[in-house]
PDB file of all heavy atoms in Angstrom:
ATOM      1  N   VAL A   1      -4.526   5.864  -4.974  1.00  0.00           N
ATOM      2  CA  VAL A   1      -5.517   5.719  -3.857  1.00  0.00           C
ATOM      3  C   VAL A   1      -5.342   4.209  -3.318  1.00  0.00           C
ATOM      4  O   VAL A   1      -5.558   3.285  -4.045  1.00  0.00           O
ATOM      5  CB  VAL A   1      -6.954   5.942  -4.349  1.00  0.00           C
ATOM      6  CG1 VAL A   1      -7.964   5.655  -3.154  1.00  0.00           C
ATOM      7  CG2 VAL A   1      -7.158   7.298  -4.856  1.00  0.00           C
ATOM      8  N   GLU A   2      -4.988   4.178  -2.005  1.00  0.00           N
ATOM      9  CA  GLU A   2      -4.752   2.864  -1.356  1.00  0.00           C
ATOM     10  C   GLU A   2      -6.157   2.435  -0.684  1.00  0.00           C
ATOM     11  O   GLU A   2      -6.930   3.211  -0.293  1.00  0.00           O
ATOM     12  CB  GLU A   2      -3.733   2.893  -0.294  1.00  0.00           C
ATOM     13  CG  GLU A   2      -2.378   3.396  -0.809  1.00  0.00           C
ATOM     14  CD  GLU A   2      -2.091   4.773  -0.420  1.00  0.00           C
ATOM     15  OE1 GLU A   2      -2.998   5.605  -0.298  1.00  0.00           O
ATOM     16  OE2 GLU A   2      -0.811   5.092  -0.236  1.00  0.00           O
ATOM     17  N   SER A   3      -6.232   1.114  -0.551  1.00  0.00           N
ATOM     18  CA  SER A   3      -7.293   0.563   0.245  1.00  0.00           C
ATOM     19  C   SER A   3      -6.924  -0.831   0.772  1.00  0.00           C
ATOM     20  O   SER A   3      -5.948  -1.430   0.286  1.00  0.00           O
ATOM     21  CB  SER A   3      -8.579   0.420  -0.671  1.00  0.00           C
ATOM     22  OG  SER A   3      -8.382  -0.445  -1.822  1.00  0.00           O
ATOM     23  N   GLY A   4      -7.703  -1.326   1.669  1.00  0.00           N
ATOM     24  CA  GLY A   4      -7.483  -2.634   2.207  1.00  0.00           C
ATOM     25  C   GLY A   4      -6.893  -2.754   3.609  1.00  0.00           C
ATOM     26  O   GLY A   4      -6.734  -3.882   4.102  1.00  0.00           O
ATOM     27  N   GLY A   5      -6.441  -1.682   4.170  1.00  0.00           N
ATOM     28  CA  GLY A   5      -5.866  -1.704   5.484  1.00  0.00           C
ATOM     29  C   GLY A   5      -6.948  -2.027   6.525  1.00  0.00           C
ATOM     30  O   GLY A   5      -8.120  -2.015   6.289  1.00  0.00           O
ATOM     31  N   GLY A   6      -6.446  -2.319   7.728  1.00  0.00           N
ATOM     32  CA  GLY A   6      -7.339  -2.619   8.801  1.00  0.00           C
ATOM     33  C   GLY A   6      -6.682  -3.344   9.964  1.00  0.00           C
ATOM     34  O   GLY A   6      -5.452  -3.355  10.095  1.00  0.00           O
ATOM     35  N   LEU A   7      -7.468  -3.819  10.828  1.00  0.00           N
ATOM     36  CA  LEU A   7      -6.971  -4.557  12.054  1.00  0.00           C
ATOM     37  C   LEU A   7      -7.097  -6.061  11.828  1.00  0.00           C
ATOM     38  O   LEU A   7      -8.057  -6.593  11.347  1.00  0.00           O
ATOM     39  CB  LEU A   7      -7.841  -4.220  13.239  1.00  0.00           C
ATOM     40  CG  LEU A   7      -7.555  -4.972  14.544  1.00  0.00           C
ATOM     41  CD1 LEU A   7      -6.182  -4.690  15.076  1.00  0.00           C
ATOM     42  CD2 LEU A   7      -8.645  -4.641  15.548  1.00  0.00           C
ATOM     43  N   VAL A   8      -5.951  -6.751  12.141  1.00  0.00           N
ATOM     44  CA  VAL A   8      -5.868  -8.221  11.877  1.00  0.00           C
ATOM     45  C   VAL A   8      -5.102  -8.847  13.011  1.00  0.00           C
ATOM     46  O   VAL A   8      -4.261  -8.166  13.583  1.00  0.00           O
ATOM     47  CB  VAL A   8      -5.307  -8.497  10.508  1.00  0.00           C
ATOM     48  CG1 VAL A   8      -3.797  -8.089  10.420  1.00  0.00           C
ATOM     49  CG2 VAL A   8      -5.442 -10.070  10.208  1.00  0.00           C
ATOM     50  N   GLN A   9      -5.464 -10.048  13.373  1.00  0.00           N
ATOM     51  CA  GLN A   9      -4.673 -10.785  14.387  1.00  0.00           C
ATOM     52  C   GLN A   9      -3.343 -11.349  13.890  1.00  0.00           C
ATOM     53  O   GLN A   9      -3.195 -11.525  12.654  1.00  0.00           O
ATOM     54  CB  GLN A   9      -5.530 -11.948  14.910  1.00  0.00           C
ATOM     55  CG  GLN A   9      -6.822 -11.523  15.673  1.00  0.00           C
ATOM     56  CD  GLN A   9      -7.554 -12.690  16.265  1.00  0.00           C
ATOM     57  OE1 GLN A   9      -7.349 -13.786  15.868  1.00  0.00           O
ATOM     58  NE2 GLN A   9      -8.412 -12.432  17.211  1.00  0.00           N
ATOM     59  N   PRO A  10      -2.361 -11.563  14.774  1.00  0.00           N
ATOM     60  CA  PRO A  10      -1.114 -12.120  14.320  1.00  0.00           C
ATOM     61  C   PRO A  10      -1.394 -13.440  13.607  1.00  0.00           C
ATOM     62  O   PRO A  10      -2.246 -14.220  14.043  1.00  0.00           O
ATOM     63  CB  PRO A  10      -0.319 -12.339  15.623  1.00  0.00           C
ATOM     64  CG  PRO A  10      -0.903 -11.302  16.526  1.00  0.00           C
ATOM     65  CD  PRO A  10      -2.352 -11.158  16.134  1.00  0.00           C
ATOM     66  N   GLY A  11      -0.671 -13.677  12.552  1.00  0.00           N
ATOM     67  CA  GLY A  11      -0.900 -14.897  11.745  1.00  0.00           C
ATOM     68  C   GLY A  11      -1.956 -14.696  10.634  1.00  0.00           C
ATOM     69  O   GLY A  11      -1.989 -15.542   9.722  1.00  0.00           O
ATOM     70  N   GLY A  12      -2.657 -13.612  10.660  1.00  0.00           N
ATOM     71  CA  GLY A  12      -3.730 -13.353   9.671  1.00  0.00           C
ATOM     72  C   GLY A  12      -3.175 -12.768   8.431  1.00  0.00           C
ATOM     73  O   GLY A  12      -1.982 -12.598   8.210  1.00  0.00           O
ATOM     74  N   SER A  13      -4.123 -12.405   7.535  1.00  0.00           N
ATOM     75  CA  SER A  13      -3.798 -11.899   6.200  1.00  0.00           C
ATOM     76  C   SER A  13      -4.536 -10.613   5.836  1.00  0.00           C
ATOM     77  O   SER A  13      -5.704 -10.423   6.341  1.00  0.00           O
ATOM     78  CB  SER A  13      -4.043 -12.975   5.104  1.00  0.00           C
ATOM     79  OG  SER A  13      -3.223 -14.141   5.285  1.00  0.00           O
ATOM     80  N   LEU A  14      -3.918  -9.808   5.031  1.00  0.00           N
ATOM     81  CA  LEU A  14      -4.605  -8.656   4.466  1.00  0.00           C
ATOM     82  C   LEU A  14      -4.118  -8.462   3.008  1.00  0.00           C
ATOM     83  O   LEU A  14      -3.016  -8.877   2.726  1.00  0.00           O
ATOM     84  CB  LEU A  14      -4.347  -7.342   5.245  1.00  0.00           C
ATOM     85  CG  LEU A  14      -5.029  -7.067   6.573  1.00  0.00           C
ATOM     86  CD1 LEU A  14      -4.465  -5.832   7.171  1.00  0.00           C
ATOM     87  CD2 LEU A  14      -6.534  -6.956   6.316  1.00  0.00           C
ATOM     88  N   ARG A  15      -4.934  -7.914   2.188  1.00  0.00           N
ATOM     89  CA  ARG A  15      -4.540  -7.553   0.837  1.00  0.00           C
ATOM     90  C   ARG A  15      -4.756  -6.100   0.585  1.00  0.00           C
ATOM     91  O   ARG A  15      -5.896  -5.584   0.704  1.00  0.00           O
ATOM     92  CB  ARG A  15      -5.423  -8.387  -0.179  1.00  0.00           C
ATOM     93  CG  ARG A  15      -4.875  -8.276  -1.608  1.00  0.00           C
ATOM     94  CD  ARG A  15      -5.835  -8.822  -2.600  1.00  0.00           C
ATOM     95  NE  ARG A  15      -5.217  -8.962  -3.886  1.00  0.00           N
ATOM     96  CZ  ARG A  15      -5.899  -8.954  -5.121  1.00  0.00           C
ATOM     97  NH1 ARG A  15      -7.248  -8.836  -5.042  1.00  0.00           N
ATOM     98  NH2 ARG A  15      -5.335  -9.138  -6.264  1.00  0.00           N
ATOM     99  N   LEU A  16      -3.731  -5.398   0.329  1.00  0.00           N
ATOM    100  CA  LEU A  16      -3.711  -3.938   0.073  1.00  0.00           C
ATOM    101  C   LEU A  16      -3.818  -3.808  -1.484  1.00  0.00           C
ATOM    102  O   LEU A  16      -3.244  -4.508  -2.292  1.00  0.00           O
ATOM    103  CB  LEU A  16      -2.489  -3.203   0.559  1.00  0.00           C
ATOM    104  CG  LEU A  16      -2.215  -3.395   2.074  1.00  0.00           C
ATOM    105  CD1 LEU A  16      -0.984  -2.549   2.416  1.00  0.00           C
ATOM    106  CD2 LEU A  16      -3.363  -3.039   2.894  1.00  0.00           C
ATOM    107  N   SER A  17      -4.595  -2.694  -1.944  1.00  0.00           N
ATOM    108  CA  SER A  17      -4.676  -2.305  -3.296  1.00  0.00           C
ATOM    109  C   SER A  17      -4.318  -0.862  -3.409  1.00  0.00           C
ATOM    110  O   SER A  17      -4.624  -0.062  -2.581  1.00  0.00           O
ATOM    111  CB  SER A  17      -6.072  -2.619  -3.852  1.00  0.00           C
ATOM    112  OG  SER A  17      -6.455  -3.955  -3.713  1.00  0.00           O
ATOM    113  N   CYS A  18      -3.785  -0.550  -4.580  1.00  0.00           N
ATOM    114  CA  CYS A  18      -3.482   0.834  -4.901  1.00  0.00           C
ATOM    115  C   CYS A  18      -3.752   1.041  -6.383  1.00  0.00           C
ATOM    116  O   CYS A  18      -3.095   0.470  -7.226  1.00  0.00           O
ATOM    117  CB  CYS A  18      -2.011   1.134  -4.617  1.00  0.00           C
ATOM    118  SG  CYS A  18      -1.524   2.832  -5.111  1.00  0.00           S
ATOM    119  N   ALA A  19      -4.700   1.928  -6.628  1.00  0.00           N
ATOM    120  CA  ALA A  19      -5.072   2.255  -8.097  1.00  0.00           C
ATOM    121  C   ALA A  19      -4.504   3.642  -8.394  1.00  0.00           C
ATOM    122  O   ALA A  19      -4.708   4.596  -7.738  1.00  0.00           O
ATOM    123  CB  ALA A  19      -6.562   2.246  -8.172  1.00  0.00           C
ATOM    124  N   ALA A  20      -3.818   3.601  -9.571  1.00  0.00           N
ATOM    125  CA  ALA A  20      -3.197   4.857 -10.142  1.00  0.00           C
ATOM    126  C   ALA A  20      -4.103   5.398 -11.245  1.00  0.00           C
ATOM    127  O   ALA A  20      -4.682   4.692 -12.036  1.00  0.00           O
ATOM    128  CB  ALA A  20      -1.841   4.642 -10.676  1.00  0.00           C
ATOM    129  N   SER A  21      -4.287   6.673 -11.257  1.00  0.00           N
ATOM    130  CA  SER A  21      -5.026   7.280 -12.349  1.00  0.00           C
ATOM    131  C   SER A  21      -4.351   8.617 -12.752  1.00  0.00           C
ATOM    132  O   SER A  21      -3.535   9.201 -12.052  1.00  0.00           O
ATOM    133  CB  SER A  21      -6.489   7.631 -11.832  1.00  0.00           C
ATOM    134  OG  SER A  21      -6.462   8.618 -10.775  1.00  0.00           O
ATOM    135  N   GLY A  22      -4.752   9.067 -13.866  1.00  0.00           N
ATOM    136  CA  GLY A  22      -4.155  10.298 -14.486  1.00  0.00           C
ATOM    137  C   GLY A  22      -3.890  10.140 -15.988  1.00  0.00           C
ATOM    138  O   GLY A  22      -4.266   9.046 -16.595  1.00  0.00           O
ATOM    139  N   SER A  23      -3.388  11.080 -16.601  1.00  0.00           N
ATOM    140  CA  SER A  23      -3.062  11.139 -18.037  1.00  0.00           C
ATOM    141  C   SER A  23      -1.763  10.369 -18.311  1.00  0.00           C
ATOM    142  O   SER A  23      -0.836  10.911 -18.854  1.00  0.00           O
ATOM    143  CB  SER A  23      -3.034  12.522 -18.575  1.00  0.00           C
ATOM    144  OG  SER A  23      -2.052  13.299 -17.869  1.00  0.00           O
ATOM    145  N   ILE A  24      -1.771   9.081 -18.030  1.00  0.00           N
ATOM    146  CA  ILE A  24      -0.605   8.260 -18.297  1.00  0.00           C
ATOM    147  C   ILE A  24      -1.080   6.926 -18.928  1.00  0.00           C
ATOM    148  O   ILE A  24      -2.179   6.456 -18.718  1.00  0.00           O
ATOM    149  CB  ILE A  24       0.203   7.938 -16.974  1.00  0.00           C
ATOM    150  CG1 ILE A  24      -0.702   7.374 -15.980  1.00  0.00           C
ATOM    151  CG2 ILE A  24       0.847   9.195 -16.511  1.00  0.00           C
ATOM    152  CD1 ILE A  24      -0.001   6.791 -14.738  1.00  0.00           C
ATOM    153  N   PHE A  25      -0.098   6.303 -19.683  1.00  0.00           N
ATOM    154  CA  PHE A  25      -0.425   5.059 -20.312  1.00  0.00           C
ATOM    155  C   PHE A  25       0.163   3.904 -19.543  1.00  0.00           C
ATOM    156  O   PHE A  25      -0.421   2.773 -19.577  1.00  0.00           O
ATOM    157  CB  PHE A  25       0.151   4.998 -21.734  1.00  0.00           C
ATOM    158  CG  PHE A  25      -0.604   5.980 -22.657  1.00  0.00           C
ATOM    159  CD1 PHE A  25       0.009   7.142 -23.087  1.00  0.00           C
ATOM    160  CD2 PHE A  25      -1.859   5.686 -23.165  1.00  0.00           C
ATOM    161  CE1 PHE A  25      -0.633   7.984 -23.956  1.00  0.00           C
ATOM    162  CE2 PHE A  25      -2.519   6.575 -24.063  1.00  0.00           C
ATOM    163  CZ  PHE A  25      -1.883   7.756 -24.460  1.00  0.00           C
ATOM    164  N   SER A  26       1.226   4.104 -18.858  1.00  0.00           N
ATOM    165  CA  SER A  26       1.873   3.069 -18.075  1.00  0.00           C
ATOM    166  C   SER A  26       2.771   3.641 -16.977  1.00  0.00           C
ATOM    167  O   SER A  26       3.035   4.851 -17.008  1.00  0.00           O
ATOM    168  CB  SER A  26       2.703   2.202 -19.001  1.00  0.00           C
ATOM    169  OG  SER A  26       3.819   2.974 -19.597  1.00  0.00           O
ATOM    170  N   ILE A  27       3.167   2.816 -16.046  1.00  0.00           N
ATOM    171  CA  ILE A  27       3.953   3.179 -14.936  1.00  0.00           C
ATOM    172  C   ILE A  27       5.205   2.163 -14.847  1.00  0.00           C
ATOM    173  O   ILE A  27       4.902   0.957 -14.827  1.00  0.00           O
ATOM    174  CB  ILE A  27       3.245   3.253 -13.617  1.00  0.00           C
ATOM    175  CG1 ILE A  27       2.119   4.310 -13.678  1.00  0.00           C
ATOM    176  CG2 ILE A  27       4.170   3.527 -12.428  1.00  0.00           C
ATOM    177  CD1 ILE A  27       1.169   4.288 -12.491  1.00  0.00           C
ATOM    178  N   TYR A  28       6.357   2.676 -14.826  1.00  0.00           N
ATOM    179  CA  TYR A  28       7.538   1.796 -14.824  1.00  0.00           C
ATOM    180  C   TYR A  28       7.545   1.003 -13.522  1.00  0.00           C
ATOM    181  O   TYR A  28       7.670  -0.280 -13.601  1.00  0.00           O
ATOM    182  CB  TYR A  28       8.870   2.637 -14.923  1.00  0.00           C
ATOM    183  CG  TYR A  28      10.067   1.719 -14.579  1.00  0.00           C
ATOM    184  CD1 TYR A  28      10.351   0.672 -15.364  1.00  0.00           C
ATOM    185  CD2 TYR A  28      10.815   2.030 -13.453  1.00  0.00           C
ATOM    186  CE1 TYR A  28      11.469  -0.090 -15.015  1.00  0.00           C
ATOM    187  CE2 TYR A  28      11.869   1.281 -13.098  1.00  0.00           C
ATOM    188  CZ  TYR A  28      12.178   0.194 -13.864  1.00  0.00           C
ATOM    189  OH  TYR A  28      13.293  -0.638 -13.562  1.00  0.00           O
ATOM    190  N   ALA A  29       7.433   1.533 -12.383  1.00  0.00           N
ATOM    191  CA  ALA A  29       7.577   0.822 -11.133  1.00  0.00           C
ATOM    192  C   ALA A  29       6.556   1.264 -10.152  1.00  0.00           C
ATOM    193  O   ALA A  29       6.191   2.500 -10.118  1.00  0.00           O
ATOM    194  CB  ALA A  29       9.011   0.993 -10.551  1.00  0.00           C
ATOM    195  N   MET A  30       6.035   0.327  -9.384  1.00  0.00           N
ATOM    196  CA  MET A  30       5.085   0.632  -8.322  1.00  0.00           C
ATOM    197  C   MET A  30       5.597  -0.132  -7.052  1.00  0.00           C
ATOM    198  O   MET A  30       6.173  -1.206  -7.204  1.00  0.00           O
ATOM    199  CB  MET A  30       3.705   0.267  -8.613  1.00  0.00           C
ATOM    200  CG  MET A  30       3.125   1.028  -9.860  1.00  0.00           C
ATOM    201  SD  MET A  30       1.426   0.691 -10.183  1.00  0.00           S
ATOM    202  CE  MET A  30       0.601   1.708  -8.908  1.00  0.00           C
ATOM    203  N   GLY A  31       5.328   0.411  -5.923  1.00  0.00           N
ATOM    204  CA  GLY A  31       5.845  -0.226  -4.656  1.00  0.00           C
ATOM    205  C   GLY A  31       4.981   0.102  -3.473  1.00  0.00           C
ATOM    206  O   GLY A  31       4.116   0.994  -3.534  1.00  0.00           O
ATOM    207  N   TRP A  32       5.325  -0.542  -2.433  1.00  0.00           N
ATOM    208  CA  TRP A  32       4.673  -0.297  -1.136  1.00  0.00           C
ATOM    209  C   TRP A  32       5.839   0.041  -0.133  1.00  0.00           C
ATOM    210  O   TRP A  32       6.767  -0.618  -0.025  1.00  0.00           O
ATOM    211  CB  TRP A  32       3.908  -1.478  -0.634  1.00  0.00           C
ATOM    212  CG  TRP A  32       2.686  -1.759  -1.412  1.00  0.00           C
ATOM    213  CD1 TRP A  32       2.542  -2.596  -2.450  1.00  0.00           C
ATOM    214  CD2 TRP A  32       1.431  -1.110  -1.171  1.00  0.00           C
ATOM    215  NE1 TRP A  32       1.229  -2.576  -2.883  1.00  0.00           N
ATOM    216  CE2 TRP A  32       0.570  -1.678  -2.142  1.00  0.00           C
ATOM    217  CE3 TRP A  32       0.943  -0.222  -0.247  1.00  0.00           C
ATOM    218  CZ2 TRP A  32      -0.823  -1.253  -2.174  1.00  0.00           C
ATOM    219  CZ3 TRP A  32      -0.423   0.177  -0.380  1.00  0.00           C
ATOM    220  CH2 TRP A  32      -1.252  -0.357  -1.284  1.00  0.00           C
ATOM    221  N   TYR A  33       5.591   1.077   0.625  1.00  0.00           N
ATOM    222  CA  TYR A  33       6.467   1.519   1.737  1.00  0.00           C
ATOM    223  C   TYR A  33       5.652   1.538   3.019  1.00  0.00           C
ATOM    224  O   TYR A  33       4.422   1.568   2.984  1.00  0.00           O
ATOM    225  CB  TYR A  33       6.998   2.909   1.485  1.00  0.00           C
ATOM    226  CG  TYR A  33       8.001   2.938   0.363  1.00  0.00           C
ATOM    227  CD1 TYR A  33       7.660   2.794  -0.977  1.00  0.00           C
ATOM    228  CD2 TYR A  33       9.365   3.145   0.625  1.00  0.00           C
ATOM    229  CE1 TYR A  33       8.503   2.906  -2.057  1.00  0.00           C
ATOM    230  CE2 TYR A  33      10.324   3.164  -0.458  1.00  0.00           C
ATOM    231  CZ  TYR A  33       9.889   3.110  -1.766  1.00  0.00           C
ATOM    232  OH  TYR A  33      10.770   3.088  -2.831  1.00  0.00           O
ATOM    233  N   ARG A  34       6.349   1.512   4.171  1.00  0.00           N
ATOM    234  CA  ARG A  34       5.594   1.577   5.413  1.00  0.00           C
ATOM    235  C   ARG A  34       6.387   2.451   6.392  1.00  0.00           C
ATOM    236  O   ARG A  34       7.584   2.555   6.280  1.00  0.00           O
ATOM    237  CB  ARG A  34       5.327   0.193   5.906  1.00  0.00           C
ATOM    238  CG  ARG A  34       6.489  -0.549   6.381  1.00  0.00           C
ATOM    239  CD  ARG A  34       6.132  -1.993   6.853  1.00  0.00           C
ATOM    240  NE  ARG A  34       7.264  -2.761   7.324  1.00  0.00           N
ATOM    241  CZ  ARG A  34       7.250  -4.086   7.617  1.00  0.00           C
ATOM    242  NH1 ARG A  34       6.069  -4.762   7.468  1.00  0.00           N
ATOM    243  NH2 ARG A  34       8.300  -4.682   7.980  1.00  0.00           N
ATOM    244  N   GLN A  35       5.650   2.982   7.305  1.00  0.00           N
ATOM    245  CA  GLN A  35       6.250   3.750   8.377  1.00  0.00           C
ATOM    246  C   GLN A  35       5.553   3.517   9.685  1.00  0.00           C
ATOM    247  O   GLN A  35       4.400   3.754   9.825  1.00  0.00           O
ATOM    248  CB  GLN A  35       6.162   5.268   8.082  1.00  0.00           C
ATOM    249  CG  GLN A  35       6.968   6.135   9.003  1.00  0.00           C
ATOM    250  CD  GLN A  35       7.139   7.581   8.516  1.00  0.00           C
ATOM    251  OE1 GLN A  35       6.306   8.010   7.705  1.00  0.00           O
ATOM    252  NE2 GLN A  35       8.076   8.259   9.011  1.00  0.00           N
ATOM    253  N   ALA A  36       6.341   2.961  10.636  1.00  0.00           N
ATOM    254  CA  ALA A  36       5.910   2.687  11.973  1.00  0.00           C
ATOM    255  C   ALA A  36       6.182   3.825  12.868  1.00  0.00           C
ATOM    256  O   ALA A  36       7.049   4.696  12.585  1.00  0.00           O
ATOM    257  CB  ALA A  36       6.555   1.378  12.527  1.00  0.00           C
ATOM    258  N   PRO A  37       5.433   4.002  13.985  1.00  0.00           N
ATOM    259  CA  PRO A  37       5.683   5.061  14.883  1.00  0.00           C
ATOM    260  C   PRO A  37       7.094   5.181  15.343  1.00  0.00           C
ATOM    261  O   PRO A  37       7.722   4.217  15.751  1.00  0.00           O
ATOM    262  CB  PRO A  37       4.756   4.836  16.060  1.00  0.00           C
ATOM    263  CG  PRO A  37       3.646   4.019  15.487  1.00  0.00           C
ATOM    264  CD  PRO A  37       4.348   3.193  14.452  1.00  0.00           C
ATOM    265  N   GLY A  38       7.799   6.345  15.256  1.00  0.00           N
ATOM    266  CA  GLY A  38       9.123   6.528  15.626  1.00  0.00           C
ATOM    267  C   GLY A  38      10.137   5.988  14.733  1.00  0.00           C
ATOM    268  O   GLY A  38      11.339   5.996  15.078  1.00  0.00           O
ATOM    269  N   LYS A  39       9.770   5.479  13.568  1.00  0.00           N
ATOM    270  CA  LYS A  39      10.719   4.902  12.618  1.00  0.00           C
ATOM    271  C   LYS A  39      10.650   5.617  11.279  1.00  0.00           C
ATOM    272  O   LYS A  39       9.680   6.310  10.918  1.00  0.00           O
ATOM    273  CB  LYS A  39      10.456   3.478  12.435  1.00  0.00           C
ATOM    274  CG  LYS A  39      10.594   2.609  13.693  1.00  0.00           C
ATOM    275  CD  LYS A  39      10.420   1.099  13.414  1.00  0.00           C
ATOM    276  CE  LYS A  39      11.527   0.579  12.593  1.00  0.00           C
ATOM    277  NZ  LYS A  39      11.460  -0.891  12.359  1.00  0.00           N
ATOM    278  N   GLN A  40      11.683   5.409  10.498  1.00  0.00           N
ATOM    279  CA  GLN A  40      11.803   6.023   9.108  1.00  0.00           C
ATOM    280  C   GLN A  40      10.884   5.137   8.195  1.00  0.00           C
ATOM    281  O   GLN A  40      10.696   3.978   8.400  1.00  0.00           O
ATOM    282  CB  GLN A  40      13.250   5.907   8.621  1.00  0.00           C
ATOM    283  CG  GLN A  40      14.224   6.813   9.497  1.00  0.00           C
ATOM    284  CD  GLN A  40      14.249   8.205   9.111  1.00  0.00           C
ATOM    285  OE1 GLN A  40      13.309   8.753   8.496  1.00  0.00           O
ATOM    286  NE2 GLN A  40      15.315   8.899   9.396  1.00  0.00           N
ATOM    287  N   ARG A  41      10.489   5.791   7.123  1.00  0.00           N
ATOM    288  CA  ARG A  41       9.768   5.088   6.110  1.00  0.00           C
ATOM    289  C   ARG A  41      10.630   4.141   5.398  1.00  0.00           C
ATOM    290  O   ARG A  41      11.851   4.437   5.061  1.00  0.00           O
ATOM    291  CB  ARG A  41       9.083   6.061   5.114  1.00  0.00           C
ATOM    292  CG  ARG A  41       8.166   5.435   4.094  1.00  0.00           C
ATOM    293  CD  ARG A  41       7.546   6.478   3.192  1.00  0.00           C
ATOM    294  NE  ARG A  41       6.702   7.353   3.955  1.00  0.00           N
ATOM    295  CZ  ARG A  41       5.938   8.288   3.467  1.00  0.00           C
ATOM    296  NH1 ARG A  41       5.847   8.414   2.117  1.00  0.00           N
ATOM    297  NH2 ARG A  41       5.202   9.108   4.205  1.00  0.00           N
TER     298      ARG A  41
END
């Protein structure tokens, strides 16, 4: 579950969060991807 997105002015800052849940003890790798209109992820 991601959170923290929104509208910001150029030069500004945002902090995104992603919380993982489920029957797991650990996760090897986590990352962020993005997809803009008309472009590949």
